[in-house]
Amino acid sequence: MSPSFSDVHSVSIDPYNSKANQMLHKTETPKEQDAKIDKSAKDFESLLLSSWLQQAQQSFATVPGGDSEADADPGKEQMQGFAMQSLGTALTAAGGLGIADSIAKLLHKSSDKPAPAPLQTLPALGLAR
């Protein structure tokens, strides 16, 4: 005997106990969370510095009246991008500009706040907790 539509429709799904929800809301130790915040802030500063360095390098790369044929190497821009990215990472590792520290401080402060209350209902699905 096959299940009818009413049997299938009455199956209860609790989104708050699903495996995906548990993975999304995995609890981390404060030490793990602090390390993640610090790494993210440093990664952001590194990317920001790399972007600034690439833009500065492109602005000052050409000399007015210079020979553009001599600089026509097809891999030049890509290699210079790698170099600027490495330089940005090295600058951040050496202390950077302090951007990572400021961002990390704000993120640590915001992570100390209590988490917002979970949703009590999912109106789009007609599910209540």
N, C-alpha and C. Protein backbone atom coordinates (compact mmCIF):
# COMPACT_ATOMS: atom_id res chain seq x y z
N MET A 1 0.84 -1.18 0.00
CA MET A 1 0.00 0.00 0.00
C MET A 1 0.89 1.24 0.00
N SER A 2 0.68 2.12 -0.95
CA SER A 2 1.50 3.31 -1.06
C SER A 2 0.94 4.41 -0.16
N PRO A 3 1.83 5.29 0.31
CA PRO A 3 1.36 6.38 1.17
C PRO A 3 0.54 7.39 0.37
N SER A 4 -0.46 7.92 1.00
CA SER A 4 -1.29 8.93 0.35
C SER A 4 -0.67 10.31 0.59
N PHE A 5 -1.23 11.28 -0.11
CA PHE A 5 -0.73 12.65 0.03
C PHE A 5 -0.87 13.14 1.46
N SER A 6 -1.95 12.80 2.12
CA SER A 6 -2.15 13.27 3.50
C SER A 6 -1.12 12.65 4.43
N ASP A 7 -0.66 11.42 4.15
CA ASP A 7 0.37 10.80 4.98
C ASP A 7 1.70 11.54 4.81
N VAL A 8 2.04 11.85 3.59
CA VAL A 8 3.29 12.54 3.31
C VAL A 8 3.24 13.97 3.85
N HIS A 9 2.11 14.61 3.70
CA HIS A 9 1.97 15.99 4.14
C HIS A 9 2.04 16.12 5.66
N SER A 10 1.70 15.09 6.38
CA SER A 10 1.69 15.18 7.84
C SER A 10 3.04 14.84 8.47
N VAL A 11 4.06 14.58 7.66
CA VAL A 11 5.38 14.30 8.20
C VAL A 11 5.92 15.57 8.83
N SER A 12 6.38 15.45 10.05
CA SER A 12 6.89 16.60 10.79
C SER A 12 8.39 16.75 10.57
N ILE A 13 8.79 17.94 10.19
CA ILE A 13 10.20 18.26 10.02
C ILE A 13 10.52 19.38 10.99
N ASP A 14 11.46 19.14 11.87
CA ASP A 14 11.86 20.15 12.84
C ASP A 14 13.16 20.78 12.36
N PRO A 15 13.11 22.00 11.80
CA PRO A 15 14.32 22.63 11.25
C PRO A 15 15.35 22.95 12.32
N TYR A 16 14.96 23.00 13.59
CA TYR A 16 15.89 23.35 14.65
C TYR A 16 16.72 22.15 15.11
N ASN A 17 16.34 20.95 14.73
CA ASN A 17 17.10 19.77 15.11
C ASN A 17 17.73 19.08 13.92
N SER A 18 17.69 19.69 12.76
CA SER A 18 18.26 19.08 11.58
C SER A 18 19.78 19.10 11.65
N LYS A 19 20.40 18.19 10.93
CA LYS A 19 21.86 18.09 10.90
C LYS A 19 22.46 19.37 10.32
N ALA A 20 21.85 19.91 9.28
CA ALA A 20 22.36 21.14 8.66
C ALA A 20 22.32 22.30 9.65
N ASN A 21 21.25 22.41 10.41
CA ASN A 21 21.14 23.48 11.39
C ASN A 21 22.18 23.32 12.49
N GLN A 22 22.44 22.10 12.90
CA GLN A 22 23.45 21.86 13.92
C GLN A 22 24.83 22.23 13.40
N MET A 23 25.10 21.96 12.12
CA MET A 23 26.39 22.32 11.55
C MET A 23 26.53 23.83 11.42
N LEU A 24 25.45 24.50 11.05
CA LEU A 24 25.49 25.95 10.90
C LEU A 24 25.69 26.66 12.22
N HIS A 25 25.13 26.11 13.27
CA HIS A 25 25.19 26.75 14.57
C HIS A 25 26.12 25.98 15.52
N LYS A 26 27.18 25.46 14.97
CA LYS A 26 28.16 24.72 15.74
C LYS A 26 28.75 25.63 16.81
N THR A 27 28.79 25.14 18.02
CA THR A 27 29.36 25.95 19.09
C THR A 27 30.88 25.81 19.07
N GLU A 28 31.53 26.92 19.18
CA GLU A 28 32.99 26.95 19.20
C GLU A 28 33.44 27.42 20.57
N THR A 29 34.61 27.00 20.94
CA THR A 29 35.17 27.50 22.19
C THR A 29 35.57 28.95 21.97
N PRO A 30 35.62 29.73 23.03
CA PRO A 30 36.03 31.13 22.87
C PRO A 30 37.42 31.26 22.25
N LYS A 31 38.30 30.34 22.55
CA LYS A 31 39.65 30.39 22.00
C LYS A 31 39.62 30.17 20.48
N GLU A 32 38.80 29.22 20.02
CA GLU A 32 38.66 28.97 18.58
C GLU A 32 38.04 30.18 17.89
N GLN A 33 37.05 30.75 18.53
CA GLN A 33 36.38 31.92 17.94
C GLN A 33 37.34 33.11 17.86
N ASP A 34 38.14 33.32 18.89
CA ASP A 34 39.12 34.41 18.88
C ASP A 34 40.15 34.21 17.77
N ALA A 35 40.63 32.98 17.60
CA ALA A 35 41.61 32.69 16.56
C ALA A 35 41.02 32.93 15.17
N LYS A 36 39.76 32.55 15.00
CA LYS A 36 39.08 32.75 13.72
C LYS A 36 38.92 34.24 13.41
N ILE A 37 38.56 35.02 14.42
CA ILE A 37 38.40 36.46 14.24
C ILE A 37 39.74 37.10 13.88
N ASP A 38 40.80 36.74 14.59
CA ASP A 38 42.13 37.31 14.33
C ASP A 38 42.60 36.97 12.92
N LYS A 39 42.41 35.72 12.50
CA LYS A 39 42.83 35.31 11.16
C LYS A 39 42.04 36.06 10.09
N SER A 40 40.74 36.19 10.29
CA SER A 40 39.90 36.89 9.31
C SER A 40 40.30 38.35 9.19
N ALA A 41 40.58 38.99 10.32
CA ALA A 41 40.98 40.40 10.29
C ALA A 41 42.32 40.57 9.57
N LYS A 42 43.26 39.67 9.82
CA LYS A 42 44.56 39.75 9.15
C LYS A 42 44.42 39.46 7.65
N ASP A 43 43.59 38.49 7.30
CA ASP A 43 43.35 38.20 5.88
C ASP A 43 42.75 39.41 5.17
N PHE A 44 41.82 40.08 5.83
CA PHE A 44 41.20 41.27 5.24
C PHE A 44 42.24 42.36 5.03
N GLU A 45 43.06 42.62 6.04
CA GLU A 45 44.08 43.67 5.90
C GLU A 45 45.06 43.31 4.79
N SER A 46 45.42 42.06 4.70
CA SER A 46 46.33 41.61 3.65
C SER A 46 45.75 41.85 2.26
N LEU A 47 44.48 41.51 2.07
CA LEU A 47 43.82 41.74 0.78
C LEU A 47 43.70 43.23 0.47
N LEU A 48 43.40 44.01 1.49
CA LEU A 48 43.27 45.45 1.29
C LEU A 48 44.62 46.06 0.90
N LEU A 49 45.68 45.70 1.61
CA LEU A 49 47.00 46.20 1.27
C LEU A 49 47.42 45.76 -0.13
N SER A 50 47.14 44.51 -0.47
CA SER A 50 47.48 44.01 -1.80
C SER A 50 46.78 44.82 -2.88
N SER A 51 45.51 45.11 -2.67
CA SER A 51 44.74 45.89 -3.63
C SER A 51 45.32 47.29 -3.78
N TRP A 52 45.63 47.92 -2.66
CA TRP A 52 46.21 49.27 -2.70
C TRP A 52 47.55 49.26 -3.42
N LEU A 53 48.37 48.26 -3.12
CA LEU A 53 49.69 48.17 -3.74
C LEU A 53 49.58 47.94 -5.25
N GLN A 54 48.64 47.10 -5.67
CA GLN A 54 48.44 46.86 -7.11
C GLN A 54 48.01 48.14 -7.81
N GLN A 55 47.11 48.88 -7.19
CA GLN A 55 46.65 50.13 -7.81
C GLN A 55 47.78 51.15 -7.88
N ALA A 56 48.58 51.23 -6.81
CA ALA A 56 49.71 52.17 -6.81
C ALA A 56 50.74 51.76 -7.87
N GLN A 57 51.01 50.47 -7.96
CA GLN A 57 51.99 49.98 -8.93
C GLN A 57 51.53 50.28 -10.35
N GLN A 58 50.24 50.09 -10.63
CA GLN A 58 49.72 50.37 -11.97
C GLN A 58 49.75 51.87 -12.27
N SER A 59 49.54 52.68 -11.25
CA SER A 59 49.56 54.14 -11.46
C SER A 59 50.96 54.64 -11.80
N PHE A 60 51.97 54.06 -11.15
CA PHE A 60 53.34 54.55 -11.32
C PHE A 60 54.18 53.67 -12.23
N ALA A 61 53.59 52.66 -12.85
CA ALA A 61 54.35 51.70 -13.65
C ALA A 61 54.83 52.28 -14.97
N THR A 62 54.08 53.17 -15.53
CA THR A 62 54.47 53.70 -16.83
C THR A 62 55.09 55.08 -16.67
N VAL A 63 56.11 55.32 -17.43
CA VAL A 63 56.79 56.61 -17.43
C VAL A 63 56.31 57.35 -18.67
N PRO A 64 55.88 58.60 -18.49
CA PRO A 64 55.46 59.35 -19.67
C PRO A 64 56.58 59.41 -20.71
N GLY A 65 56.23 59.07 -21.93
CA GLY A 65 57.20 59.08 -23.01
C GLY A 65 58.03 57.81 -23.08
N GLY A 66 57.74 56.85 -22.20
CA GLY A 66 58.50 55.59 -22.19
C GLY A 66 58.07 54.69 -23.33
N ASP A 67 58.83 53.64 -23.54
CA ASP A 67 58.56 52.68 -24.61
C ASP A 67 57.63 51.59 -24.08
N SER A 68 56.39 51.58 -24.56
CA SER A 68 55.43 50.58 -24.10
C SER A 68 55.71 49.20 -24.68
N GLU A 69 56.46 49.12 -25.78
CA GLU A 69 56.82 47.82 -26.38
C GLU A 69 57.74 47.02 -25.47
N ALA A 70 58.58 47.70 -24.72
CA ALA A 70 59.51 46.99 -23.83
C ALA A 70 58.77 46.34 -22.67
N ASP A 71 57.63 46.88 -22.31
CA ASP A 71 56.84 46.35 -21.19
C ASP A 71 55.71 45.44 -21.66
N ALA A 72 55.76 44.92 -22.87
CA ALA A 72 54.66 44.17 -23.45
C ALA A 72 54.72 42.67 -23.13
N ASP A 73 55.37 42.28 -22.07
CA ASP A 73 55.44 40.88 -21.67
C ASP A 73 54.04 40.39 -21.28
N PRO A 74 53.56 39.28 -21.86
CA PRO A 74 52.19 38.83 -21.59
C PRO A 74 51.94 38.42 -20.14
N GLY A 75 52.93 37.95 -19.41
CA GLY A 75 52.72 37.51 -18.04
C GLY A 75 53.08 38.55 -17.00
N LYS A 76 53.47 39.73 -17.45
CA LYS A 76 53.95 40.77 -16.55
C LYS A 76 52.91 41.17 -15.51
N GLU A 77 51.70 41.48 -15.95
CA GLU A 77 50.67 41.94 -15.02
C GLU A 77 50.31 40.87 -14.00
N GLN A 78 50.24 39.62 -14.45
CA GLN A 78 49.90 38.54 -13.55
C GLN A 78 50.99 38.35 -12.49
N MET A 79 52.24 38.36 -12.90
CA MET A 79 53.35 38.20 -11.96
C MET A 79 53.44 39.39 -11.00
N GLN A 80 53.17 40.58 -11.50
CA GLN A 80 53.17 41.74 -10.61
C GLN A 80 52.02 41.65 -9.60
N GLY A 81 50.89 41.08 -10.02
CA GLY A 81 49.77 40.87 -9.10
C GLY A 81 50.15 39.91 -7.99
N PHE A 82 50.85 38.82 -8.35
CA PHE A 82 51.33 37.87 -7.35
C PHE A 82 52.31 38.54 -6.38
N ALA A 83 53.19 39.36 -6.95
CA ALA A 83 54.18 40.05 -6.12
C ALA A 83 53.50 41.00 -5.13
N MET A 84 52.52 41.76 -5.59
CA MET A 84 51.83 42.70 -4.71
C MET A 84 51.03 41.97 -3.64
N GLN A 85 50.46 40.81 -4.01
CA GLN A 85 49.73 40.01 -3.03
C GLN A 85 50.67 39.49 -1.96
N SER A 86 51.84 39.02 -2.36
CA SER A 86 52.83 38.53 -1.41
C SER A 86 53.34 39.66 -0.52
N LEU A 87 53.54 40.81 -1.12
CA LEU A 87 54.00 41.97 -0.35
C LEU A 87 52.94 42.39 0.67
N GLY A 88 51.69 42.39 0.28
CA GLY A 88 50.60 42.72 1.20
C GLY A 88 50.53 41.75 2.36
N THR A 89 50.69 40.46 2.07
CA THR A 89 50.68 39.43 3.12
C THR A 89 51.87 39.61 4.06
N ALA A 90 53.04 39.90 3.50
CA ALA A 90 54.24 40.09 4.32
C ALA A 90 54.11 41.34 5.19
N LEU A 91 53.56 42.41 4.64
CA LEU A 91 53.37 43.63 5.43
C LEU A 91 52.41 43.39 6.59
N THR A 92 51.35 42.65 6.34
CA THR A 92 50.39 42.35 7.40
C THR A 92 51.04 41.47 8.47
N ALA A 93 51.82 40.48 8.05
CA ALA A 93 52.49 39.60 9.01
C ALA A 93 53.50 40.37 9.87
N ALA A 94 54.06 41.43 9.32
CA ALA A 94 55.04 42.23 10.05
C ALA A 94 54.37 43.30 10.93
N GLY A 95 53.08 43.30 11.00
CA GLY A 95 52.37 44.27 11.84
C GLY A 95 51.38 45.11 11.08
N GLY A 96 51.56 45.23 9.79
CA GLY A 96 50.61 45.95 8.95
C GLY A 96 50.43 47.40 9.35
N LEU A 97 49.26 47.92 9.05
CA LEU A 97 48.92 49.31 9.34
C LEU A 97 48.06 49.44 10.59
N GLY A 98 47.72 48.32 11.20
CA GLY A 98 46.86 48.35 12.37
C GLY A 98 45.39 48.16 12.05
N ILE A 99 45.09 47.97 10.79
CA ILE A 99 43.70 47.78 10.38
C ILE A 99 43.17 46.47 10.95
N ALA A 100 43.98 45.42 10.87
CA ALA A 100 43.55 44.11 11.39
C ALA A 100 43.28 44.18 12.88
N ASP A 101 44.12 44.89 13.61
CA ASP A 101 43.92 45.02 15.05
C ASP A 101 42.61 45.73 15.37
N SER A 102 42.31 46.79 14.63
CA SER A 102 41.07 47.54 14.85
C SER A 102 39.85 46.69 14.53
N ILE A 103 39.91 45.98 13.42
CA ILE A 103 38.78 45.13 13.03
C ILE A 103 38.60 44.00 14.04
N ALA A 104 39.71 43.38 14.43
CA ALA A 104 39.63 42.27 15.39
C ALA A 104 39.05 42.75 16.72
N LYS A 105 39.46 43.94 17.16
CA LYS A 105 38.95 44.47 18.42
C LYS A 105 37.43 44.66 18.36
N LEU A 106 36.96 45.23 17.25
CA LEU A 106 35.51 45.43 17.10
C LEU A 106 34.76 44.10 17.01
N LEU A 107 35.34 43.14 16.28
CA LEU A 107 34.68 41.83 16.16
C LEU A 107 34.67 41.09 17.49
N HIS A 108 35.74 41.20 18.25
CA HIS A 108 35.77 40.56 19.58
C HIS A 108 34.71 41.19 20.48
N LYS A 109 34.59 42.51 20.38
CA LYS A 109 33.60 43.20 21.20
C LYS A 109 32.19 42.75 20.81
N SER A 110 31.93 42.64 19.52
CA SER A 110 30.59 42.25 19.08
C SER A 110 30.32 40.77 19.35
N SER A 111 31.36 39.94 19.40
CA SER A 111 31.14 38.51 19.67
C SER A 111 30.84 38.26 21.14
N ASP A 112 31.17 39.22 22.01
CA ASP A 112 30.88 39.07 23.43
C ASP A 112 29.43 39.36 23.76
N LYS A 113 28.72 39.99 22.83
CA LYS A 113 27.30 40.27 23.04
C LYS A 113 26.53 38.97 22.98
N PRO A 114 25.42 38.88 23.71
CA PRO A 114 24.62 37.66 23.63
C PRO A 114 24.03 37.48 22.23
N ALA A 115 23.92 36.24 21.84
CA ALA A 115 23.38 35.93 20.52
C ALA A 115 21.91 36.32 20.46
N PRO A 116 21.43 36.75 19.30
CA PRO A 116 20.01 37.08 19.19
C PRO A 116 19.16 35.84 19.39
N ALA A 117 17.96 36.06 19.89
CA ALA A 117 17.05 34.94 20.13
C ALA A 117 16.70 34.27 18.81
N PRO A 118 16.61 32.93 18.80
CA PRO A 118 16.26 32.25 17.55
C PRO A 118 14.82 32.55 17.15
N LEU A 119 14.57 32.42 15.87
CA LEU A 119 13.21 32.63 15.37
C LEU A 119 12.27 31.62 16.00
N GLN A 120 11.12 32.08 16.38
CA GLN A 120 10.15 31.18 16.99
C GLN A 120 9.25 30.51 15.97
N THR A 121 9.11 31.12 14.81
CA THR A 121 8.28 30.53 13.77
C THR A 121 8.96 30.69 12.42
N LEU A 122 8.56 29.87 11.52
CA LEU A 122 8.98 30.00 10.13
C LEU A 122 7.70 30.20 9.33
N PRO A 123 7.23 31.44 9.23
CA PRO A 123 5.93 31.69 8.61
C PRO A 123 5.82 31.24 7.17
N ALA A 124 6.92 31.30 6.43
CA ALA A 124 6.85 30.91 5.02
C ALA A 124 6.50 29.45 4.86
N LEU A 125 6.92 28.63 5.82
CA LEU A 125 6.63 27.20 5.75
C LEU A 125 5.46 26.81 6.63
N GLY A 126 4.96 27.75 7.42
CA GLY A 126 3.85 27.45 8.32
C GLY A 126 4.29 26.58 9.48
N LEU A 127 5.57 26.61 9.81
CA LEU A 127 6.09 25.78 10.92
C LEU A 127 6.27 26.63 12.16
N ALA A 128 5.95 26.08 13.29
CA ALA A 128 6.17 26.75 14.55
C ALA A 128 7.11 25.91 15.38
N ARG A 129 7.86 26.56 16.20
CA ARG A 129 8.79 25.84 17.05
C ARG A 129 8.11 25.28 18.25
